[in-house]
Full PDB file with SEQRES, HELIX, SHEET, SSBOND, CRYST1, ORIGX, SCALE, CONECT and MASTER records, all heavy atoms in Angstrom:
SEQRES   1 A   31  ARG ALA VAL VAL VAL LEU HIS GLU PRO PRO VAL ARG ALA          
SEQRES   2 A   31  HIS CYS SER PRO THR GLY LEU THR GLU GLY SER VAL VAL          
SEQRES   3 A   31  THR VAL ARG LEU LEU                                          
SHEET    1 AA1 2 ALA A   2  VAL A   5  0                                        
SHEET    2 AA1 2 ARG A  12  CYS A  15 -1                                        
CRYST1    1.000    1.000    1.000  90.00  90.00  90.00 P 1           1          
ORIGX1      1.000000  0.000000  0.000000        0.00000                         
ORIGX2      0.000000  1.000000  0.000000        0.00000                         
ORIGX3      0.000000  0.000000  1.000000        0.00000                         
SCALE1      1.000000  0.000000  0.000000        0.00000                         
SCALE2      0.000000  1.000000  0.000000        0.00000                         
SCALE3      0.000000  0.000000  1.000000        0.00000                         
ATOM      1  N   ARG A   1     147.544   6.236  51.862  1.00  0.00           N  
ATOM      2  CA  ARG A   1     148.019   6.873  50.642  1.00  0.00           C  
ATOM      3  C   ARG A   1     148.350   5.799  49.612  1.00  0.00           C  
ATOM      4  O   ARG A   1     148.547   4.627  49.943  1.00  0.00           O  
ATOM      5  CB  ARG A   1     149.254   7.727  50.913  1.00  0.00           C  
ATOM      6  CG  ARG A   1     150.502   6.932  51.245  1.00  0.00           C  
ATOM      7  CD  ARG A   1     151.666   7.834  51.589  1.00  0.00           C  
ATOM      8  NE  ARG A   1     152.909   7.074  51.721  1.00  0.00           N  
ATOM      9  CZ  ARG A   1     154.059   7.580  52.141  1.00  0.00           C  
ATOM     10  NH1 ARG A   1     154.121   8.859  52.472  1.00  0.00           N  
ATOM     11  NH2 ARG A   1     155.140   6.821  52.217  1.00  0.00           N  
ATOM     12  N   ALA A   2     148.386   6.232  48.373  1.00  0.00           N  
ATOM     13  CA  ALA A   2     148.814   5.357  47.281  1.00  0.00           C  
ATOM     14  C   ALA A   2     150.136   5.869  46.735  1.00  0.00           C  
ATOM     15  O   ALA A   2     150.407   7.083  46.751  1.00  0.00           O  
ATOM     16  CB  ALA A   2     147.767   5.335  46.179  1.00  0.00           C  
ATOM     17  N   VAL A   3     150.957   4.938  46.257  1.00  0.00           N  
ATOM     18  CA  VAL A   3     152.186   5.294  45.556  1.00  0.00           C  
ATOM     19  C   VAL A   3     151.939   5.061  44.073  1.00  0.00           C  
ATOM     20  O   VAL A   3     151.567   3.952  43.661  1.00  0.00           O  
ATOM     21  CB  VAL A   3     153.377   4.434  46.028  1.00  0.00           C  
ATOM     22  CG1 VAL A   3     154.639   4.832  45.267  1.00  0.00           C  
ATOM     23  CG2 VAL A   3     153.589   4.584  47.528  1.00  0.00           C  
ATOM     24  N   VAL A   4     152.113   6.113  43.274  1.00  0.00           N  
ATOM     25  CA  VAL A   4     151.917   6.001  41.826  1.00  0.00           C  
ATOM     26  C   VAL A   4     153.198   6.448  41.128  1.00  0.00           C  
ATOM     27  O   VAL A   4     153.996   7.208  41.696  1.00  0.00           O  
ATOM     28  CB  VAL A   4     150.726   6.849  41.332  1.00  0.00           C  
ATOM     29  CG1 VAL A   4     149.437   6.422  42.015  1.00  0.00           C  
ATOM     30  CG2 VAL A   4     150.975   8.344  41.548  1.00  0.00           C  
ATOM     31  N   VAL A   5     153.390   5.982  39.910  1.00  0.00           N  
ATOM     32  CA  VAL A   5     154.503   6.468  39.102  1.00  0.00           C  
ATOM     33  C   VAL A   5     153.932   7.024  37.816  1.00  0.00           C  
ATOM     34  O   VAL A   5     153.160   6.357  37.114  1.00  0.00           O  
ATOM     35  CB  VAL A   5     155.547   5.361  38.824  1.00  0.00           C  
ATOM     36  CG1 VAL A   5     154.938   4.184  38.085  1.00  0.00           C  
ATOM     37  CG2 VAL A   5     156.734   5.928  38.034  1.00  0.00           C  
ATOM     38  N   LEU A   6     154.233   8.293  37.533  1.00  0.00           N  
ATOM     39  CA  LEU A   6     153.786   8.909  36.290  1.00  0.00           C  
ATOM     40  C   LEU A   6     154.516   8.238  35.135  1.00  0.00           C  
ATOM     41  O   LEU A   6     155.668   7.846  35.261  1.00  0.00           O  
ATOM     42  CB  LEU A   6     154.093  10.406  36.299  1.00  0.00           C  
ATOM     43  CG  LEU A   6     153.105  11.342  37.016  1.00  0.00           C  
ATOM     44  CD1 LEU A   6     152.979  11.003  38.496  1.00  0.00           C  
ATOM     45  CD2 LEU A   6     153.527  12.798  36.850  1.00  0.00           C  
ATOM     46  N   HIS A   7     153.852   8.134  34.004  1.00  0.00           N  
ATOM     47  CA  HIS A   7     154.489   7.495  32.853  1.00  0.00           C  
ATOM     48  C   HIS A   7     155.513   8.411  32.203  1.00  0.00           C  
ATOM     49  O   HIS A   7     156.547   7.942  31.712  1.00  0.00           O  
ATOM     50  CB  HIS A   7     153.422   7.082  31.835  1.00  0.00           C  
ATOM     51  CG  HIS A   7     152.541   5.965  32.337  1.00  0.00           C  
ATOM     52  ND1 HIS A   7     151.573   5.385  31.565  1.00  0.00           N  
ATOM     53  CD2 HIS A   7     152.493   5.321  33.542  1.00  0.00           C  
ATOM     54  CE1 HIS A   7     150.961   4.427  32.273  1.00  0.00           C  
ATOM     55  NE2 HIS A   7     151.501   4.393  33.471  1.00  0.00           N  
ATOM     56  N   GLU A   8     155.262   9.712  32.183  1.00  0.00           N  
ATOM     57  CA  GLU A   8     156.200  10.658  31.584  1.00  0.00           C  
ATOM     58  C   GLU A   8     155.943  12.044  32.175  1.00  0.00           C  
ATOM     59  O   GLU A   8     154.854  12.599  31.971  1.00  0.00           O  
ATOM     60  CB  GLU A   8     156.029  10.699  30.070  1.00  0.00           C  
ATOM     61  CG  GLU A   8     157.064  11.555  29.359  1.00  0.00           C  
ATOM     62  CD  GLU A   8     158.490  11.089  29.620  1.00  0.00           C  
ATOM     63  OE1 GLU A   8     158.750   9.870  29.622  1.00  0.00           O  
ATOM     64  OE2 GLU A   8     159.346  11.966  29.832  1.00  0.00           O  
ATOM     65  N   PRO A   9     156.899  12.577  32.920  1.00  0.00           N  
ATOM     66  CA  PRO A   9     158.186  11.982  33.300  1.00  0.00           C  
ATOM     67  C   PRO A   9     157.981  10.865  34.334  1.00  0.00           C  
ATOM     68  O   PRO A   9     157.004  10.911  35.102  1.00  0.00           O  
ATOM     69  CB  PRO A   9     158.949  13.160  33.902  1.00  0.00           C  
ATOM     70  CG  PRO A   9     157.881  14.059  34.450  1.00  0.00           C  
ATOM     71  CD  PRO A   9     156.742  13.945  33.489  1.00  0.00           C  
ATOM     72  N   PRO A  10     158.878   9.867  34.376  1.00  0.00           N  
ATOM     73  CA  PRO A  10     158.668   8.706  35.246  1.00  0.00           C  
ATOM     74  C   PRO A  10     159.038   8.997  36.694  1.00  0.00           C  
ATOM     75  O   PRO A  10     160.078   8.563  37.196  1.00  0.00           O  
ATOM     76  CB  PRO A  10     159.592   7.655  34.626  1.00  0.00           C  
ATOM     77  CG  PRO A  10     160.704   8.447  34.036  1.00  0.00           C  
ATOM     78  CD  PRO A  10     160.085   9.726  33.540  1.00  0.00           C  
ATOM     79  N   VAL A  11     158.190   9.769  37.384  1.00  0.00           N  
ATOM     80  CA  VAL A  11     158.453  10.126  38.774  1.00  0.00           C  
ATOM     81  C   VAL A  11     157.383   9.512  39.669  1.00  0.00           C  
ATOM     82  O   VAL A  11     156.235   9.315  39.252  1.00  0.00           O  
ATOM     83  CB  VAL A  11     158.485  11.654  38.968  1.00  0.00           C  
ATOM     84  CG1 VAL A  11     159.573  12.266  38.118  1.00  0.00           C  
ATOM     85  CG2 VAL A  11     157.147  12.287  38.639  1.00  0.00           C  
ATOM     86  N   ARG A  12     157.777   9.213  40.892  1.00  0.00           N  
ATOM     87  CA  ARG A  12     156.842   8.649  41.868  1.00  0.00           C  
ATOM     88  C   ARG A  12     156.187   9.761  42.662  1.00  0.00           C  
ATOM     89  O   ARG A  12     156.792  10.803  42.918  1.00  0.00           O  
ATOM     90  CB  ARG A  12     157.573   7.695  42.819  1.00  0.00           C  
ATOM     91  CG  ARG A  12     158.132   6.486  42.112  1.00  0.00           C  
ATOM     92  CD  ARG A  12     158.686   5.487  43.094  1.00  0.00           C  
ATOM     93  NE  ARG A  12     159.279   4.372  42.379  1.00  0.00           N  
ATOM     94  CZ  ARG A  12     159.452   3.163  42.881  1.00  0.00           C  
ATOM     95  NH1 ARG A  12     159.084   2.921  44.129  1.00  0.00           N  
ATOM     96  NH2 ARG A  12     159.994   2.206  42.169  1.00  0.00           N  
ATOM     97  N   ALA A  13     154.957   9.514  43.058  1.00  0.00           N  
ATOM     98  CA  ALA A  13     154.218  10.495  43.836  1.00  0.00           C  
ATOM     99  C   ALA A  13     153.260   9.772  44.765  1.00  0.00           C  
ATOM    100  O   ALA A  13     152.931   8.597  44.559  1.00  0.00           O  
ATOM    101  CB  ALA A  13     153.444  11.442  42.909  1.00  0.00           C  
ATOM    102  N   HIS A  14     152.816  10.482  45.792  1.00  0.00           N  
ATOM    103  CA  HIS A  14     151.802   9.969  46.702  1.00  0.00           C  
ATOM    104  C   HIS A  14     150.491  10.696  46.434  1.00  0.00           C  
ATOM    105  O   HIS A  14     150.472  11.880  46.080  1.00  0.00           O  
ATOM    106  CB  HIS A  14     152.214  10.201  48.162  1.00  0.00           C  
ATOM    107  CG  HIS A  14     153.461   9.478  48.550  1.00  0.00           C  
ATOM    108  ND1 HIS A  14     154.430  10.027  49.352  1.00  0.00           N  
ATOM    109  CD2 HIS A  14     153.913   8.252  48.214  1.00  0.00           C  
ATOM    110  CE1 HIS A  14     155.413   9.157  49.521  1.00  0.00           C  
ATOM    111  NE2 HIS A  14     155.118   8.083  48.828  1.00  0.00           N  
ATOM    112  N   CYS A  15     149.385   9.981  46.605  1.00  0.00           N  
ATOM    113  CA  CYS A  15     148.074  10.606  46.458  1.00  0.00           C  
ATOM    114  C   CYS A  15     147.061   9.819  47.279  1.00  0.00           C  
ATOM    115  O   CYS A  15     147.397   8.792  47.893  1.00  0.00           O  
ATOM    116  CB  CYS A  15     147.658  10.667  44.985  1.00  0.00           C  
ATOM    117  SG  CYS A  15     147.401   9.060  44.214  1.00  0.00           S  
ATOM    118  N   SER A  16     145.838  10.266  47.277  1.00  0.00           N  
ATOM    119  CA  SER A  16     144.775   9.560  47.994  1.00  0.00           C  
ATOM    120  C   SER A  16     144.560   8.178  47.377  1.00  0.00           C  
ATOM    121  O   SER A  16     144.551   8.034  46.152  1.00  0.00           O  
ATOM    122  CB  SER A  16     143.479  10.364  47.918  1.00  0.00           C  
ATOM    123  OG  SER A  16     142.388   9.567  48.346  1.00  0.00           O  
ATOM    124  N   PRO A  17     144.362   7.150  48.230  1.00  0.00           N  
ATOM    125  CA  PRO A  17     144.167   5.804  47.683  1.00  0.00           C  
ATOM    126  C   PRO A  17     142.724   5.479  47.339  1.00  0.00           C  
ATOM    127  O   PRO A  17     142.450   4.407  46.789  1.00  0.00           O  
ATOM    128  CB  PRO A  17     144.647   4.920  48.838  1.00  0.00           C  
ATOM    129  CG  PRO A  17     144.260   5.683  50.064  1.00  0.00           C  
ATOM    130  CD  PRO A  17     144.456   7.147  49.704  1.00  0.00           C  
ATOM    131  N   THR A  18     141.814   6.383  47.656  1.00  0.00           N  
ATOM    132  CA  THR A  18     140.392   6.087  47.499  1.00  0.00           C  
ATOM    133  C   THR A  18     140.055   5.705  46.055  1.00  0.00           C  
ATOM    134  O   THR A  18     140.331   6.463  45.115  1.00  0.00           O  
ATOM    135  CB  THR A  18     139.536   7.298  47.914  1.00  0.00           C  
ATOM    136  OG1 THR A  18     139.877   7.667  49.250  1.00  0.00           O  
ATOM    137  CG2 THR A  18     138.056   6.961  47.847  1.00  0.00           C  
ATOM    138  N   GLY A  19     139.495   4.512  45.882  1.00  0.00           N  
ATOM    139  CA  GLY A  19     139.062   4.051  44.574  1.00  0.00           C  
ATOM    140  C   GLY A  19     140.165   3.504  43.689  1.00  0.00           C  
ATOM    141  O   GLY A  19     139.891   3.093  42.558  1.00  0.00           O  
ATOM    142  N   LEU A  20     141.404   3.465  44.173  1.00  0.00           N  
ATOM    143  CA  LEU A  20     142.517   2.985  43.368  1.00  0.00           C  
ATOM    144  C   LEU A  20     142.841   1.527  43.697  1.00  0.00           C  
ATOM    145  O   LEU A  20     142.621   1.068  44.815  1.00  0.00           O  
ATOM    146  CB  LEU A  20     143.770   3.843  43.598  1.00  0.00           C  
ATOM    147  CG  LEU A  20     143.645   5.348  43.336  1.00  0.00           C  
ATOM    148  CD1 LEU A  20     144.984   6.028  43.508  1.00  0.00           C  
ATOM    149  CD2 LEU A  20     143.073   5.618  41.948  1.00  0.00           C  
ATOM    150  N   THR A  21     143.378   0.807  42.725  1.00  0.00           N  
ATOM    151  CA  THR A  21     143.808  -0.576  42.936  1.00  0.00           C  
ATOM    152  C   THR A  21     145.222  -0.744  42.417  1.00  0.00           C  
ATOM    153  O   THR A  21     145.596  -0.138  41.402  1.00  0.00           O  
ATOM    154  CB  THR A  21     142.883  -1.580  42.221  1.00  0.00           C  
ATOM    155  OG1 THR A  21     142.862  -1.272  40.821  1.00  0.00           O  
ATOM    156  CG2 THR A  21     141.469  -1.515  42.769  1.00  0.00           C  
ATOM    157  N   GLU A  22     146.008  -1.544  43.114  1.00  0.00           N  
ATOM    158  CA  GLU A  22     147.392  -1.766  42.716  1.00  0.00           C  
ATOM    159  C   GLU A  22     147.458  -2.380  41.318  1.00  0.00           C  
ATOM    160  O   GLU A  22     146.672  -3.260  40.967  1.00  0.00           O  
ATOM    161  CB  GLU A  22     148.091  -2.685  43.721  1.00  0.00           C  
ATOM    162  CG  GLU A  22     148.339  -2.010  45.056  1.00  0.00           C  
ATOM    163  CD  GLU A  22     149.139  -2.903  46.005  1.00  0.00           C  
ATOM    164  OE1 GLU A  22     149.314  -4.093  45.689  1.00  0.00           O  
ATOM    165  OE2 GLU A  22     149.581  -2.407  47.063  1.00  0.00           O  
ATOM    166  N   GLY A  23     148.408  -1.882  40.519  1.00  0.00           N  
ATOM    167  CA  GLY A  23     148.611  -2.408  39.180  1.00  0.00           C  
ATOM    168  C   GLY A  23     147.759  -1.751  38.117  1.00  0.00           C  
ATOM    169  O   GLY A  23     147.967  -1.993  36.929  1.00  0.00           O  
ATOM    170  N   SER A  24     146.808  -0.898  38.518  1.00  0.00           N  
ATOM    171  CA  SER A  24     145.943  -0.256  37.533  1.00  0.00           C  
ATOM    172  C   SER A  24     146.601   1.006  36.986  1.00  0.00           C  
ATOM    173  O   SER A  24     147.475   1.603  37.617  1.00  0.00           O  
ATOM    174  CB  SER A  24     144.599   0.109  38.159  1.00  0.00           C  
ATOM    175  OG  SER A  24     144.779   1.032  39.232  1.00  0.00           O  
ATOM    176  N   VAL A  25     146.193   1.403  35.793  1.00  0.00           N  
ATOM    177  CA  VAL A  25     146.647   2.646  35.186  1.00  0.00           C  
ATOM    178  C   VAL A  25     145.555   3.677  35.360  1.00  0.00           C  
ATOM    179  O   VAL A  25     144.396   3.438  34.991  1.00  0.00           O  
ATOM    180  CB  VAL A  25     146.991   2.454  33.694  1.00  0.00           C  
ATOM    181  CG1 VAL A  25     147.374   3.781  33.051  1.00  0.00           C  
ATOM    182  CG2 VAL A  25     148.129   1.445  33.537  1.00  0.00           C  
ATOM    183  N   VAL A  26     145.900   4.815  35.966  1.00  0.00           N  
ATOM    184  CA  VAL A  26     144.923   5.855  36.277  1.00  0.00           C  
ATOM    185  C   VAL A  26     145.417   7.180  35.716  1.00  0.00           C  
ATOM    186  O   VAL A  26     146.522   7.280  35.176  1.00  0.00           O  
ATOM    187  CB  VAL A  26     144.719   5.966  37.804  1.00  0.00           C  
ATOM    188  CG1 VAL A  26     144.175   4.665  38.373  1.00  0.00           C  
ATOM    189  CG2 VAL A  26     146.018   6.356  38.505  1.00  0.00           C  
ATOM    190  N   THR A  27     144.591   8.200  35.861  1.00  0.00           N  
ATOM    191  CA  THR A  27     144.973   9.561  35.499  1.00  0.00           C  
ATOM    192  C   THR A  27     145.085  10.380  36.770  1.00  0.00           C  
ATOM    193  O   THR A  27     144.227  10.309  37.650  1.00  0.00           O  
ATOM    194  CB  THR A  27     143.925  10.195  34.569  1.00  0.00           C  
ATOM    195  OG1 THR A  27     143.810   9.394  33.382  1.00  0.00           O  
ATOM    196  CG2 THR A  27     144.332  11.605  34.181  1.00  0.00           C  
ATOM    197  N   VAL A  28     146.191  11.138  36.887  1.00  0.00           N  
ATOM    198  CA  VAL A  28     146.354  12.025  38.038  1.00  0.00           C  
ATOM    199  C   VAL A  28     146.552  13.446  37.535  1.00  0.00           C  
ATOM    200  O   VAL A  28     147.011  13.669  36.411  1.00  0.00           O  
ATOM    201  CB  VAL A  28     147.539  11.604  38.928  1.00  0.00           C  
ATOM    202  CG1 VAL A  28     147.312  10.218  39.515  1.00  0.00           C  
ATOM    203  CG2 VAL A  28     148.858  11.667  38.168  1.00  0.00           C  
ATOM    204  N   ARG A  29     146.169  14.389  38.378  1.00  0.00           N  
ATOM    205  CA  ARG A  29     146.332  15.810  38.040  1.00  0.00           C  
ATOM    206  C   ARG A  29     147.407  16.411  38.944  1.00  0.00           C  
ATOM    207  O   ARG A  29     147.443  16.142  40.150  1.00  0.00           O  
ATOM    208  CB  ARG A  29     145.026  16.563  38.231  1.00  0.00           C  
ATOM    209  CG  ARG A  29     145.126  18.070  37.928  1.00  0.00           C  
ATOM    210  CD  ARG A  29     143.815  18.788  38.151  1.00  0.00           C  
ATOM    211  NE  ARG A  29     142.825  18.348  37.178  1.00  0.00           N  
ATOM    212  CZ  ARG A  29     141.728  17.638  37.483  1.00  0.00           C  
ATOM    213  NH1 ARG A  29     141.506  17.268  38.738  1.00  0.00           N  
ATOM    214  NH2 ARG A  29     140.870  17.285  36.540  1.00  0.00           N  
ATOM    215  N   LEU A  30     148.290  17.211  38.347  1.00  0.00           N  
ATOM    216  CA  LEU A  30     149.321  17.896  39.115  1.00  0.00           C  
ATOM    217  C   LEU A  30     148.719  19.116  39.800  1.00  0.00           C  
ATOM    218  O   LEU A  30     148.187  20.009  39.143  1.00  0.00           O  
ATOM    219  CB  LEU A  30     150.462  18.328  38.187  1.00  0.00           C  
ATOM    220  CG  LEU A  30     151.620  19.079  38.846  1.00  0.00           C  
ATOM    221  CD1 LEU A  30     152.365  18.172  39.831  1.00  0.00           C  
ATOM    222  CD2 LEU A  30     152.575  19.622  37.784  1.00  0.00           C  
ATOM    223  N   LEU A  31     148.811  19.130  41.130  1.00  0.00           N  
ATOM    224  CA  LEU A  31     148.279  20.248  41.904  1.00  0.00           C  
ATOM    225  C   LEU A  31     149.321  21.336  42.117  1.00  0.00           C  
ATOM    226  O   LEU A  31     149.017  22.521  42.063  1.00  0.00           O  
ATOM    227  CB  LEU A  31     147.765  19.761  43.254  1.00  0.00           C  
ATOM    228  CG  LEU A  31     146.605  18.763  43.223  1.00  0.00           C  
ATOM    229  CD1 LEU A  31     146.237  18.340  44.640  1.00  0.00           C  
ATOM    230  CD2 LEU A  31     145.399  19.361  42.509  1.00  0.00           C  
TER     231      LEU A  31                                                      
MASTER        0    0    0    0    2    0    0    6  230    1    0    3          
END                                                                             
């Protein structure tokens, strides 16, 4: 799993790590 922090609101979440790299800014969708 990956640990990400949303920019707004600044909450942490877990998601699939596939294709992600630490320190990168990505887009996530709320399920």
